[in-house]
């Protein structure tokens, strides 16, 4: 742990650590987010008319 905080990071290492933390946060957020009314991929414009001419 001491090495981690005292290490001098180059630009690539900083970017990789930031990207890893960001992606980990997204994954953890999706795992712990409550799902309400299920998952639906579609349009919610209120059009329920099935019989089209």
Protein backbone atom coordinates (compact mmCIF):
# COMPACT_ATOMS: atom_id res chain seq x y z
CA UNK A 1 0.00 0.00 0.00
CA UNK A 2 2.88 2.33 0.78
CA UNK A 3 4.32 1.70 -2.70
CA UNK A 4 0.97 2.54 -4.30
CA UNK A 5 0.74 5.99 -2.70
CA UNK A 6 4.45 6.86 -3.01
CA UNK A 7 4.78 5.70 -6.64
CA UNK A 8 5.21 8.36 -9.32
CA UNK A 9 2.70 7.59 -12.06
CA UNK A 10 3.22 8.30 -15.73
CA UNK A 11 0.33 9.47 -17.94
CA UNK A 12 -0.58 6.01 -19.25
CA UNK A 13 -0.78 4.52 -15.75
CA UNK A 14 -2.93 7.41 -14.52
CA UNK A 15 -5.33 7.01 -17.45
CA UNK A 16 -5.58 3.24 -16.97
CA UNK A 17 -6.33 3.61 -13.26
CA UNK A 18 -8.97 6.28 -13.90
CA UNK A 19 -10.61 4.17 -16.63
CA UNK A 20 -10.58 1.09 -14.39
CA UNK A 21 -12.19 2.97 -11.50
CA UNK A 22 -14.80 4.52 -13.81
CA UNK A 23 -15.77 1.19 -15.40
CA UNK A 24 -15.81 -0.55 -12.03
CA UNK A 25 -18.17 2.12 -10.73
CA UNK A 26 -20.52 1.61 -13.67
CA UNK A 27 -20.55 -2.16 -13.21
CA UNK A 28 -21.10 -1.92 -9.45
CA UNK A 29 -23.86 0.65 -10.03
CA UNK A 30 -25.70 -1.65 -12.42
CA UNK A 31 -25.36 -4.59 -10.03
CA UNK A 32 -26.79 -2.76 -7.01
CA UNK A 33 -29.38 -0.55 -8.75
CA UNK A 34 -32.97 -1.57 -8.07
CA UNK A 35 -34.89 -2.77 -11.11
CA UNK A 36 -38.38 -1.30 -11.13
CA UNK A 37 -41.10 -2.68 -13.43
CA UNK A 38 -38.63 -4.99 -15.13
CA UNK A 39 -36.43 -4.15 -18.06
CA UNK A 40 -38.11 -2.91 -21.24
CA UNK A 41 -36.37 -1.80 -24.39
CA UNK A 42 -38.78 0.13 -26.52
CA UNK A 43 -40.72 3.31 -27.09
CA UNK A 44 -42.99 4.69 -24.36
CA UNK A 45 -44.85 7.25 -26.45
CA UNK A 46 -48.32 6.09 -25.33
CA UNK A 47 -49.35 4.67 -28.68
CA UNK A 48 -51.20 1.44 -27.91
CA UNK A 49 -53.25 1.14 -31.12
CA UNK A 50 -52.40 -2.26 -32.61
CA UNK A 51 -54.83 -2.10 -35.56
CA UNK A 52 -53.21 0.10 -38.15
CA UNK A 53 -54.63 0.61 -41.60
